[in-house]
């Protein structure tokens, strides 16, 4: 959801500090003006991201080097522009912006790699990767719980049972750990 907040003023050659209660983290912004009117717009991009003039912010902290005109929030802390992908305002290293997808539950992928909360999941197969829910995911070779591989789980039969439980054909798991 995008909302805009406009602040307008007529100033004579002096500096003024504007206070906004509309967005936590954007409490002050110093504006310098001279005998001309100005218009200042804050655009909320969603999920903690905002655009102020020609800068992008995540919860009040500037996202350095973000390409403002192509920047878009994807939800769950993820955002992207033409060149980069971000998680909670931090660059996701080596992520491919043009093929990047926010899946759900903190998981995302691009054409080559899979991520959990902006961190690479080593060896995860993007083509078969699927989110099962409650932190559980799987691909053709491994099952995962909150981005960590579950040792010796059989992915062909692995399923989420809810409330932290999962099972495969031979074992049951609680919070990613095999039950004895």
N, C-alpha and C. Protein backbone atom coordinates (compact mmCIF):
# COMPACT_ATOMS: atom_id res chain seq x y z
N UNK A 1 0.84 -1.16 0.00
CA UNK A 1 0.00 0.00 0.00
C UNK A 1 0.89 1.23 0.00
N UNK A 2 0.62 2.16 -0.88
CA UNK A 2 1.39 3.39 -0.93
C UNK A 2 0.54 4.53 -0.44
N UNK A 3 1.07 5.30 0.52
CA UNK A 3 0.41 6.51 0.95
C UNK A 3 1.40 7.65 0.80
N UNK A 4 0.89 8.82 0.54
CA UNK A 4 1.74 9.99 0.37
C UNK A 4 1.39 11.02 1.43
N UNK A 5 2.42 11.64 1.96
CA UNK A 5 2.25 12.73 2.90
C UNK A 5 2.93 13.94 2.28
N UNK A 6 2.19 15.01 2.06
CA UNK A 6 2.75 16.22 1.44
C UNK A 6 2.89 17.32 2.47
N UNK A 7 4.01 17.97 2.44
CA UNK A 7 4.25 19.13 3.28
C UNK A 7 4.63 20.28 2.36
N UNK A 8 3.93 21.39 2.44
CA UNK A 8 4.22 22.54 1.58
C UNK A 8 4.43 23.76 2.45
N UNK A 9 5.31 24.65 1.97
CA UNK A 9 5.55 25.88 2.71
C UNK A 9 6.11 26.94 1.78
N UNK A 10 5.92 28.18 2.17
CA UNK A 10 6.55 29.31 1.50
C UNK A 10 7.57 29.84 2.50
N UNK A 11 8.83 29.88 2.07
CA UNK A 11 9.88 30.28 2.97
C UNK A 11 10.67 31.44 2.40
N UNK A 12 11.27 32.17 3.28
CA UNK A 12 12.26 33.14 2.87
C UNK A 12 13.59 32.63 3.37
N UNK A 13 14.60 32.82 2.71
CA UNK A 13 15.96 32.35 2.89
C UNK A 13 16.36 31.97 4.33
N UNK A 14 15.85 30.89 4.84
CA UNK A 14 16.32 30.36 6.12
C UNK A 14 16.03 28.87 6.15
N UNK A 15 16.54 28.21 7.18
CA UNK A 15 16.40 26.77 7.29
C UNK A 15 15.32 26.46 8.31
N UNK A 16 14.61 25.38 8.11
CA UNK A 16 13.54 24.98 9.01
C UNK A 16 13.60 23.47 9.19
N UNK A 17 13.23 23.00 10.36
CA UNK A 17 13.15 21.57 10.61
C UNK A 17 11.68 21.21 10.73
N UNK A 18 11.24 20.24 9.94
CA UNK A 18 9.86 19.79 9.98
C UNK A 18 9.76 18.54 10.85
N UNK A 19 8.71 18.45 11.62
CA UNK A 19 8.47 17.28 12.46
C UNK A 19 7.24 16.57 11.94
N UNK A 20 7.37 15.28 11.74
CA UNK A 20 6.25 14.49 11.24
C UNK A 20 5.97 13.36 12.21
N UNK A 21 4.72 13.22 12.62
CA UNK A 21 4.36 12.11 13.50
C UNK A 21 3.75 10.98 12.69
N UNK A 22 3.66 11.14 11.39
CA UNK A 22 3.00 10.13 10.54
C UNK A 22 3.81 8.85 10.45
N UNK A 23 5.13 8.94 10.51
CA UNK A 23 5.96 7.76 10.33
C UNK A 23 7.05 7.71 11.39
N UNK A 24 7.03 6.72 12.28
CA UNK A 24 8.13 6.59 13.24
C UNK A 24 9.43 6.40 12.47
N UNK A 25 10.49 6.98 12.96
CA UNK A 25 11.77 6.87 12.28
C UNK A 25 12.04 8.03 11.33
N UNK A 26 11.01 8.79 10.99
CA UNK A 26 11.18 9.95 10.11
C UNK A 26 10.74 11.18 10.89
N UNK A 27 11.28 11.36 12.09
CA UNK A 27 10.80 12.43 12.95
C UNK A 27 11.24 13.80 12.50
N UNK A 28 12.44 13.92 11.93
CA UNK A 28 12.86 15.24 11.48
C UNK A 28 13.51 15.16 10.11
N UNK A 29 13.38 16.24 9.38
CA UNK A 29 14.05 16.38 8.08
C UNK A 29 14.37 17.85 7.92
N UNK A 30 15.63 18.16 7.73
CA UNK A 30 16.07 19.55 7.59
C UNK A 30 15.85 19.99 6.15
N UNK A 31 15.19 21.10 5.97
CA UNK A 31 14.93 21.66 4.65
C UNK A 31 15.52 23.06 4.57
N UNK A 32 16.19 23.34 3.48
CA UNK A 32 16.75 24.67 3.25
C UNK A 32 16.01 25.24 2.03
N UNK A 33 15.55 26.44 2.15
CA UNK A 33 14.81 27.02 1.03
C UNK A 33 15.13 28.50 0.89
N UNK A 34 14.83 29.03 -0.23
CA UNK A 34 14.96 30.47 -0.46
C UNK A 34 13.70 30.95 -1.15
N UNK A 35 13.18 31.98 -0.94
CA UNK A 35 12.04 32.64 -1.54
C UNK A 35 11.20 31.85 -2.56
N UNK A 36 11.41 30.59 -2.71
CA UNK A 36 10.60 29.77 -3.61
C UNK A 36 9.81 28.78 -2.77
N UNK A 37 8.69 28.37 -3.26
CA UNK A 37 7.94 27.35 -2.54
C UNK A 37 8.54 25.99 -2.86
N UNK A 38 8.32 25.04 -2.00
CA UNK A 38 8.80 23.69 -2.24
C UNK A 38 7.71 22.70 -1.86
N UNK A 39 7.81 21.54 -2.38
CA UNK A 39 6.90 20.45 -2.05
C UNK A 39 7.75 19.26 -1.65
N UNK A 40 7.45 18.66 -0.54
CA UNK A 40 8.22 17.55 0.01
C UNK A 40 7.27 16.37 0.18
N UNK A 41 7.57 15.25 -0.44
CA UNK A 41 6.66 14.11 -0.38
C UNK A 41 7.34 12.91 0.24
N UNK A 42 6.63 12.26 1.11
CA UNK A 42 7.07 10.99 1.69
C UNK A 42 6.14 9.91 1.12
N UNK A 43 6.69 8.90 0.48
CA UNK A 43 5.87 7.83 -0.08
C UNK A 43 6.17 6.55 0.69
N UNK A 44 5.18 6.02 1.34
CA UNK A 44 5.34 4.75 2.04
C UNK A 44 5.18 3.64 1.02
N UNK A 45 6.22 2.81 0.91
CA UNK A 45 6.21 1.72 -0.06
C UNK A 45 5.71 0.42 0.54
N UNK A 46 5.56 0.37 1.84
CA UNK A 46 5.07 -0.82 2.53
C UNK A 46 6.18 -1.59 3.21
N UNK A 47 5.82 -2.31 4.24
CA UNK A 47 6.73 -3.21 4.95
C UNK A 47 7.95 -2.50 5.53
N UNK A 48 7.78 -1.26 5.97
CA UNK A 48 8.86 -0.51 6.58
C UNK A 48 9.69 0.33 5.63
N UNK A 49 9.47 0.20 4.33
CA UNK A 49 10.21 0.97 3.34
C UNK A 49 9.47 2.26 3.01
N UNK A 50 10.24 3.32 2.78
CA UNK A 50 9.66 4.61 2.40
C UNK A 50 10.61 5.33 1.46
N UNK A 51 10.03 6.18 0.64
CA UNK A 51 10.81 7.01 -0.28
C UNK A 51 10.62 8.46 0.14
N UNK A 52 11.72 9.14 0.39
CA UNK A 52 11.71 10.56 0.72
C UNK A 52 12.57 11.26 -0.30
N UNK A 53 11.95 12.02 -1.18
CA UNK A 53 12.70 12.70 -2.23
C UNK A 53 13.38 11.68 -3.12
N UNK A 54 14.70 11.74 -3.18
CA UNK A 54 15.44 10.81 -4.03
C UNK A 54 16.21 9.77 -3.20
N UNK A 55 15.67 9.46 -2.01
CA UNK A 55 16.31 8.48 -1.14
C UNK A 55 15.30 7.44 -0.67
N UNK A 56 15.81 6.23 -0.39
CA UNK A 56 14.99 5.13 0.13
C UNK A 56 15.41 4.86 1.56
N UNK A 57 14.42 4.60 2.43
CA UNK A 57 14.68 4.29 3.83
C UNK A 57 14.00 2.98 4.22
N UNK A 58 14.60 2.27 5.16
CA UNK A 58 13.94 1.13 5.79
C UNK A 58 13.91 1.42 7.29
N UNK A 59 12.72 1.62 7.81
CA UNK A 59 12.50 1.93 9.22
C UNK A 59 13.42 3.03 9.72
N UNK A 60 13.54 4.09 8.93
CA UNK A 60 14.29 5.26 9.33
C UNK A 60 15.75 5.26 8.97
N UNK A 61 16.28 4.15 8.50
CA UNK A 61 17.69 4.08 8.12
C UNK A 61 17.77 4.07 6.60
N UNK A 62 18.65 4.92 6.05
CA UNK A 62 18.75 5.02 4.60
C UNK A 62 19.31 3.74 3.99
N UNK A 63 18.70 3.32 2.88
CA UNK A 63 19.19 2.18 2.10
C UNK A 63 20.14 2.77 1.06
N UNK A 64 21.42 2.61 1.32
CA UNK A 64 22.44 3.23 0.46
C UNK A 64 22.42 2.59 -0.93
N UNK A 65 22.65 3.39 -1.93
CA UNK A 65 22.79 2.98 -3.33
C UNK A 65 21.52 2.38 -3.93
N UNK A 66 20.38 2.55 -3.29
CA UNK A 66 19.12 2.05 -3.87
C UNK A 66 18.73 2.91 -5.06
N UNK A 67 18.25 2.27 -6.10
CA UNK A 67 17.80 2.96 -7.31
C UNK A 67 16.35 3.37 -7.09
N UNK A 68 16.14 4.63 -6.81
CA UNK A 68 14.85 5.15 -6.34
C UNK A 68 13.70 4.90 -7.31
N UNK A 69 13.91 5.15 -8.59
CA UNK A 69 12.80 5.07 -9.54
C UNK A 69 12.32 3.65 -9.79
N UNK A 70 13.16 2.64 -9.58
CA UNK A 70 12.73 1.25 -9.80
C UNK A 70 12.50 0.48 -8.51
N UNK A 71 12.67 1.11 -7.36
CA UNK A 71 12.58 0.43 -6.07
C UNK A 71 11.15 0.00 -5.77
N UNK A 72 11.01 -1.24 -5.29
CA UNK A 72 9.69 -1.74 -4.90
C UNK A 72 9.79 -2.69 -3.71
N UNK A 73 8.84 -2.57 -2.80
CA UNK A 73 8.76 -3.47 -1.65
C UNK A 73 8.07 -4.75 -2.10
N UNK A 74 8.62 -5.90 -1.67
CA UNK A 74 8.05 -7.20 -2.04
C UNK A 74 7.31 -7.86 -0.89
N UNK A 75 7.42 -7.30 0.31
CA UNK A 75 6.79 -7.88 1.50
C UNK A 75 7.76 -8.73 2.30
N UNK A 76 7.43 -8.97 3.55
CA UNK A 76 8.25 -9.79 4.46
C UNK A 76 9.68 -9.28 4.58
N UNK A 77 9.88 -7.97 4.48
CA UNK A 77 11.22 -7.39 4.63
C UNK A 77 12.01 -7.30 3.35
N UNK A 78 11.54 -7.94 2.29
CA UNK A 78 12.27 -7.95 1.01
C UNK A 78 11.85 -6.77 0.13
N UNK A 79 12.82 -6.29 -0.64
CA UNK A 79 12.59 -5.24 -1.63
C UNK A 79 13.63 -5.42 -2.73
N UNK A 80 13.38 -4.78 -3.86
CA UNK A 80 14.36 -4.85 -4.94
C UNK A 80 14.27 -3.60 -5.79
N UNK A 81 15.35 -3.36 -6.52
CA UNK A 81 15.36 -2.33 -7.55
C UNK A 81 15.93 -2.98 -8.81
N UNK A 82 16.27 -2.21 -9.79
CA UNK A 82 16.78 -2.77 -11.04
C UNK A 82 18.02 -3.62 -10.86
N UNK A 83 18.87 -3.26 -9.90
CA UNK A 83 20.18 -3.90 -9.78
C UNK A 83 20.35 -4.79 -8.55
N UNK A 84 19.67 -4.50 -7.45
CA UNK A 84 19.92 -5.20 -6.20
C UNK A 84 18.64 -5.68 -5.53
N UNK A 85 18.84 -6.62 -4.60
CA UNK A 85 17.76 -7.11 -3.74
C UNK A 85 18.14 -6.76 -2.31
N UNK A 86 17.15 -6.42 -1.49
CA UNK A 86 17.40 -6.02 -0.11
C UNK A 86 16.51 -6.83 0.83
N UNK A 87 17.06 -7.12 2.01
CA UNK A 87 16.26 -7.70 3.09
C UNK A 87 16.42 -6.79 4.30
N UNK A 88 15.33 -6.23 4.75
CA UNK A 88 15.32 -5.27 5.86
C UNK A 88 16.35 -4.16 5.65
N UNK A 89 16.43 -3.69 4.42
CA UNK A 89 17.28 -2.57 4.08
C UNK A 89 18.74 -2.90 3.80
N UNK A 90 19.11 -4.18 3.91
CA UNK A 90 20.49 -4.60 3.67
C UNK A 90 20.57 -5.37 2.36
N UNK A 91 21.60 -5.11 1.58
CA UNK A 91 21.81 -5.76 0.30
C UNK A 91 21.94 -7.28 0.47
N UNK A 92 21.16 -8.06 -0.30
CA UNK A 92 21.27 -9.52 -0.31
C UNK A 92 22.34 -9.85 -1.35
N UNK A 93 23.49 -10.30 -0.87
CA UNK A 93 24.65 -10.52 -1.74
C UNK A 93 24.35 -11.51 -2.85
N UNK A 94 24.71 -11.15 -4.05
CA UNK A 94 24.64 -11.98 -5.24
C UNK A 94 23.23 -12.37 -5.69
N UNK A 95 22.20 -11.79 -5.10
CA UNK A 95 20.83 -12.10 -5.53
C UNK A 95 20.56 -11.45 -6.88
N UNK A 96 19.83 -12.16 -7.73
CA UNK A 96 19.50 -11.68 -9.07
C UNK A 96 18.17 -10.93 -9.00
N UNK A 97 18.22 -9.64 -9.14
CA UNK A 97 17.03 -8.80 -9.01
C UNK A 97 15.95 -9.11 -10.04
N UNK A 98 16.34 -9.40 -11.26
CA UNK A 98 15.35 -9.59 -12.31
C UNK A 98 14.54 -10.88 -12.14
N UNK A 99 15.07 -11.89 -11.45
CA UNK A 99 14.34 -13.15 -11.27
C UNK A 99 13.95 -13.40 -9.82
N UNK A 100 14.19 -12.44 -8.93
CA UNK A 100 13.97 -12.62 -7.50
C UNK A 100 12.49 -12.69 -7.16
N UNK A 101 12.14 -13.66 -6.29
CA UNK A 101 10.75 -13.83 -5.84
C UNK A 101 10.72 -13.97 -4.33
N UNK A 102 9.81 -13.25 -3.68
CA UNK A 102 9.54 -13.44 -2.27
C UNK A 102 8.52 -14.58 -2.18
N UNK A 103 8.87 -15.66 -1.52
CA UNK A 103 7.96 -16.80 -1.43
C UNK A 103 6.97 -16.59 -0.29
N UNK A 104 7.38 -16.85 0.94
CA UNK A 104 6.64 -16.53 2.16
C UNK A 104 7.42 -17.06 3.34
N UNK A 105 7.01 -16.71 4.54
CA UNK A 105 7.66 -17.16 5.77
C UNK A 105 9.15 -16.84 5.82
N UNK A 106 9.58 -15.75 5.17
CA UNK A 106 10.99 -15.36 5.18
C UNK A 106 11.82 -15.97 4.07
N UNK A 107 11.25 -16.88 3.29
CA UNK A 107 11.97 -17.55 2.21
C UNK A 107 11.81 -16.78 0.89
N UNK A 108 12.86 -16.85 0.08
CA UNK A 108 12.85 -16.22 -1.23
C UNK A 108 13.82 -16.97 -2.12
N UNK A 109 13.73 -16.69 -3.42
CA UNK A 109 14.66 -17.34 -4.35
C UNK A 109 14.79 -16.50 -5.61
N UNK A 110 15.88 -16.76 -6.32
CA UNK A 110 16.05 -16.23 -7.66
C UNK A 110 16.32 -17.43 -8.56
N UNK A 111 16.75 -17.21 -9.76
CA UNK A 111 16.93 -18.31 -10.71
C UNK A 111 18.01 -19.31 -10.26
N UNK A 112 18.98 -18.87 -9.42
CA UNK A 112 20.08 -19.75 -9.04
C UNK A 112 20.15 -20.12 -7.57
N UNK A 113 19.61 -19.27 -6.68
CA UNK A 113 19.82 -19.46 -5.24
C UNK A 113 18.54 -19.31 -4.45
N UNK A 114 18.56 -19.89 -3.23
CA UNK A 114 17.45 -19.80 -2.30
C UNK A 114 17.95 -19.11 -1.04
N UNK A 115 17.09 -18.27 -0.42
CA UNK A 115 17.47 -17.49 0.74
C UNK A 115 16.43 -17.64 1.85
N UNK A 116 16.91 -17.53 3.08
CA UNK A 116 16.02 -17.42 4.23
C UNK A 116 16.42 -16.16 4.98
N UNK A 117 15.48 -15.23 5.12
CA UNK A 117 15.70 -13.93 5.75
C UNK A 117 16.96 -13.24 5.21
N UNK A 118 17.13 -13.30 3.91
CA UNK A 118 18.23 -12.62 3.25
C UNK A 118 19.55 -13.36 3.25
N UNK A 119 19.61 -14.51 3.89
CA UNK A 119 20.84 -15.31 3.95
C UNK A 119 20.71 -16.50 3.01
N UNK A 120 21.79 -16.80 2.31
CA UNK A 120 21.83 -17.90 1.36
C UNK A 120 21.64 -19.24 2.07
N UNK A 121 20.83 -20.13 1.49
CA UNK A 121 20.73 -21.52 1.97
C UNK A 121 21.61 -22.33 1.03
N UNK A 122 22.80 -22.72 1.51
CA UNK A 122 23.75 -23.41 0.63
C UNK A 122 23.19 -24.73 0.08
N UNK A 123 23.34 -24.92 -1.21
CA UNK A 123 22.95 -26.17 -1.85
C UNK A 123 21.48 -26.36 -2.13
N UNK A 124 20.63 -25.43 -1.74
CA UNK A 124 19.19 -25.58 -1.99
C UNK A 124 18.92 -25.45 -3.49
N UNK A 125 18.06 -26.32 -3.99
CA UNK A 125 17.72 -26.35 -5.42
C UNK A 125 16.51 -25.45 -5.69
N UNK A 126 16.70 -24.42 -6.47
CA UNK A 126 15.63 -23.46 -6.73
C UNK A 126 14.47 -24.06 -7.52
N UNK A 127 14.77 -24.94 -8.44
CA UNK A 127 13.72 -25.47 -9.31
C UNK A 127 12.69 -26.32 -8.56
N UNK A 128 13.10 -26.98 -7.49
CA UNK A 128 12.17 -27.85 -6.76
C UNK A 128 11.86 -27.32 -5.36
N UNK A 129 12.37 -26.16 -5.01
CA UNK A 129 12.18 -25.62 -3.65
C UNK A 129 10.73 -25.23 -3.42
N UNK A 130 10.20 -25.67 -2.26
CA UNK A 130 8.82 -25.30 -1.91
C UNK A 130 8.69 -25.05 -0.42
N UNK A 131 7.86 -24.07 -0.08
CA UNK A 131 7.59 -23.72 1.31
C UNK A 131 6.41 -24.56 1.78
N UNK A 132 6.62 -25.29 2.90
CA UNK A 132 5.57 -26.16 3.44
C UNK A 132 4.79 -25.47 4.55
N UNK A 133 5.38 -24.43 5.15
CA UNK A 133 4.72 -23.69 6.22
C UNK A 133 5.36 -23.96 7.57
N UNK A 134 5.10 -23.05 8.51
CA UNK A 134 5.62 -23.17 9.88
C UNK A 134 7.13 -23.33 9.93
N UNK A 135 7.85 -22.70 9.00
CA UNK A 135 9.30 -22.76 8.98
C UNK A 135 9.87 -23.90 8.15
N UNK A 136 9.05 -24.87 7.80
CA UNK A 136 9.53 -26.03 7.03
C UNK A 136 9.49 -25.77 5.52
N UNK A 137 10.52 -26.24 4.84
CA UNK A 137 10.61 -26.20 3.39
C UNK A 137 11.33 -27.45 2.92
N UNK A 138 11.29 -27.67 1.62
CA UNK A 138 12.04 -28.79 1.06
C UNK A 138 12.34 -28.54 -0.40
N UNK A 139 13.34 -29.26 -0.89
CA UNK A 139 13.63 -29.31 -2.32
C UNK A 139 13.78 -30.79 -2.67
N UNK A 140 14.30 -31.12 -3.80
CA UNK A 140 14.40 -32.52 -4.23
C UNK A 140 15.36 -33.34 -3.37
N UNK A 141 16.30 -32.69 -2.67
CA UNK A 141 17.31 -33.45 -1.94
C UNK A 141 17.31 -33.26 -0.44
N UNK A 142 16.83 -32.12 0.06
CA UNK A 142 16.89 -31.84 1.49
C UNK A 142 15.60 -31.20 1.99
N UNK A 143 15.36 -31.39 3.30
CA UNK A 143 14.30 -30.67 3.98
C UNK A 143 14.97 -29.66 4.90
N UNK A 144 14.28 -28.54 5.18
CA UNK A 144 14.86 -27.46 5.96
C UNK A 144 13.87 -26.98 7.01
N UNK A 145 14.42 -26.47 8.11
CA UNK A 145 13.61 -25.82 9.14
C UNK A 145 14.25 -24.47 9.41
N UNK A 146 13.53 -23.40 9.14
CA UNK A 146 14.03 -22.03 9.25
C UNK A 146 15.41 -21.87 8.61
N UNK A 147 15.56 -22.42 7.41
CA UNK A 147 16.76 -22.24 6.62
C UNK A 147 17.89 -23.22 6.92
N UNK A 148 17.74 -24.06 7.93
CA UNK A 148 18.78 -25.05 8.28
C UNK A 148 18.35 -26.42 7.79
N UNK A 149 19.30 -27.15 7.17
CA UNK A 149 19.01 -28.50 6.65
C UNK A 149 18.69 -29.45 7.81
N UNK A 150 17.71 -30.32 7.58
CA UNK A 150 17.35 -31.36 8.55
C UNK A 150 18.08 -32.64 8.13
N UNK A 151 18.95 -33.11 8.99
CA UNK A 151 19.79 -34.28 8.68
C UNK A 151 18.95 -35.52 8.39
N UNK A 152 19.28 -36.19 7.31
CA UNK A 152 18.72 -37.49 6.93
C UNK A 152 17.21 -37.53 6.72
N UNK A 153 16.58 -36.40 6.48
CA UNK A 153 15.13 -36.39 6.21
C UNK A 153 14.89 -36.85 4.77
N UNK A 154 13.83 -37.62 4.58
CA UNK A 154 13.45 -38.09 3.25
C UNK A 154 12.51 -37.06 2.62
N UNK A 155 12.99 -36.35 1.64
CA UNK A 155 12.19 -35.26 1.07
C UNK A 155 11.00 -35.73 0.25
N UNK A 156 11.09 -36.93 -0.30
CA UNK A 156 9.98 -37.40 -1.13
C UNK A 156 8.70 -37.57 -0.32
N UNK A 157 8.83 -37.87 0.97
CA UNK A 157 7.64 -38.05 1.81
C UNK A 157 7.54 -37.01 2.93
N UNK A 158 8.42 -36.05 2.96
CA UNK A 158 8.46 -35.07 4.05
C UNK A 158 7.25 -34.16 3.99
N UNK A 159 6.60 -33.96 5.15
CA UNK A 159 5.45 -33.06 5.21
C UNK A 159 5.36 -32.35 6.55
N UNK A 160 4.82 -31.16 6.52
CA UNK A 160 4.60 -30.34 7.71
C UNK A 160 3.29 -30.79 8.35
N UNK A 161 3.33 -31.04 9.67
CA UNK A 161 2.12 -31.43 10.40
C UNK A 161 1.54 -30.27 11.19
N UNK A 162 2.28 -29.17 11.32
CA UNK A 162 1.82 -28.01 12.07
C UNK A 162 2.35 -28.00 13.49
N UNK A 163 2.32 -26.82 14.11
CA UNK A 163 2.76 -26.61 15.50
C UNK A 163 4.17 -27.12 15.76
N UNK A 164 5.05 -26.99 14.76
CA UNK A 164 6.45 -27.38 14.92
C UNK A 164 6.75 -28.82 14.53
N UNK A 165 5.73 -29.61 14.25
CA UNK A 165 5.92 -31.03 13.92
C UNK A 165 5.95 -31.26 12.41
N UNK A 166 6.73 -32.27 12.02
CA UNK A 166 6.81 -32.71 10.62
C UNK A 166 7.12 -34.20 10.64
N UNK A 167 6.96 -34.84 9.47
CA UNK A 167 7.29 -36.26 9.39
C UNK A 167 7.71 -36.61 7.97
N UNK A 168 8.40 -37.74 7.87
CA UNK A 168 8.65 -38.37 6.58
C UNK A 168 8.29 -39.85 6.76
N UNK A 169 8.61 -40.68 5.82
CA UNK A 169 8.21 -42.09 5.89
C UNK A 169 8.81 -42.85 7.08
N UNK A 170 9.94 -42.39 7.59
CA UNK A 170 10.63 -43.14 8.64
C UNK A 170 10.72 -42.44 9.97
N UNK A 171 10.60 -41.14 10.01
CA UNK A 171 10.81 -40.39 11.26
C UNK A 171 9.80 -39.27 11.43
N UNK A 172 9.74 -38.81 12.70
CA UNK A 172 8.97 -37.62 13.02
C UNK A 172 9.94 -36.58 13.56
N UNK A 173 9.57 -35.30 13.39
CA UNK A 173 10.46 -34.20 13.74
C UNK A 173 9.68 -33.15 14.52
N UNK A 174 10.39 -32.50 15.44
CA UNK A 174 9.82 -31.37 16.15
C UNK A 174 10.82 -30.23 16.07
N UNK A 175 10.39 -29.11 15.52
CA UNK A 175 11.24 -27.94 15.32
C UNK A 175 12.54 -28.30 14.61
N UNK A 176 12.43 -29.15 13.60
CA UNK A 176 13.57 -29.51 12.77
C UNK A 176 14.48 -30.60 13.32
N UNK A 177 14.18 -31.09 14.51
CA UNK A 177 15.00 -32.14 15.13
C UNK A 177 14.24 -33.45 15.16
N UNK A 178 14.94 -34.53 14.86
CA UNK A 178 14.36 -35.86 14.85
C UNK A 178 13.93 -36.25 16.27
N UNK A 179 12.71 -36.78 16.39
CA UNK A 179 12.22 -37.28 17.67
C UNK A 179 12.70 -38.71 17.87
N UNK A 180 13.08 -39.03 19.11
CA UNK A 180 13.53 -40.41 19.41
C UNK A 180 12.39 -41.35 19.70
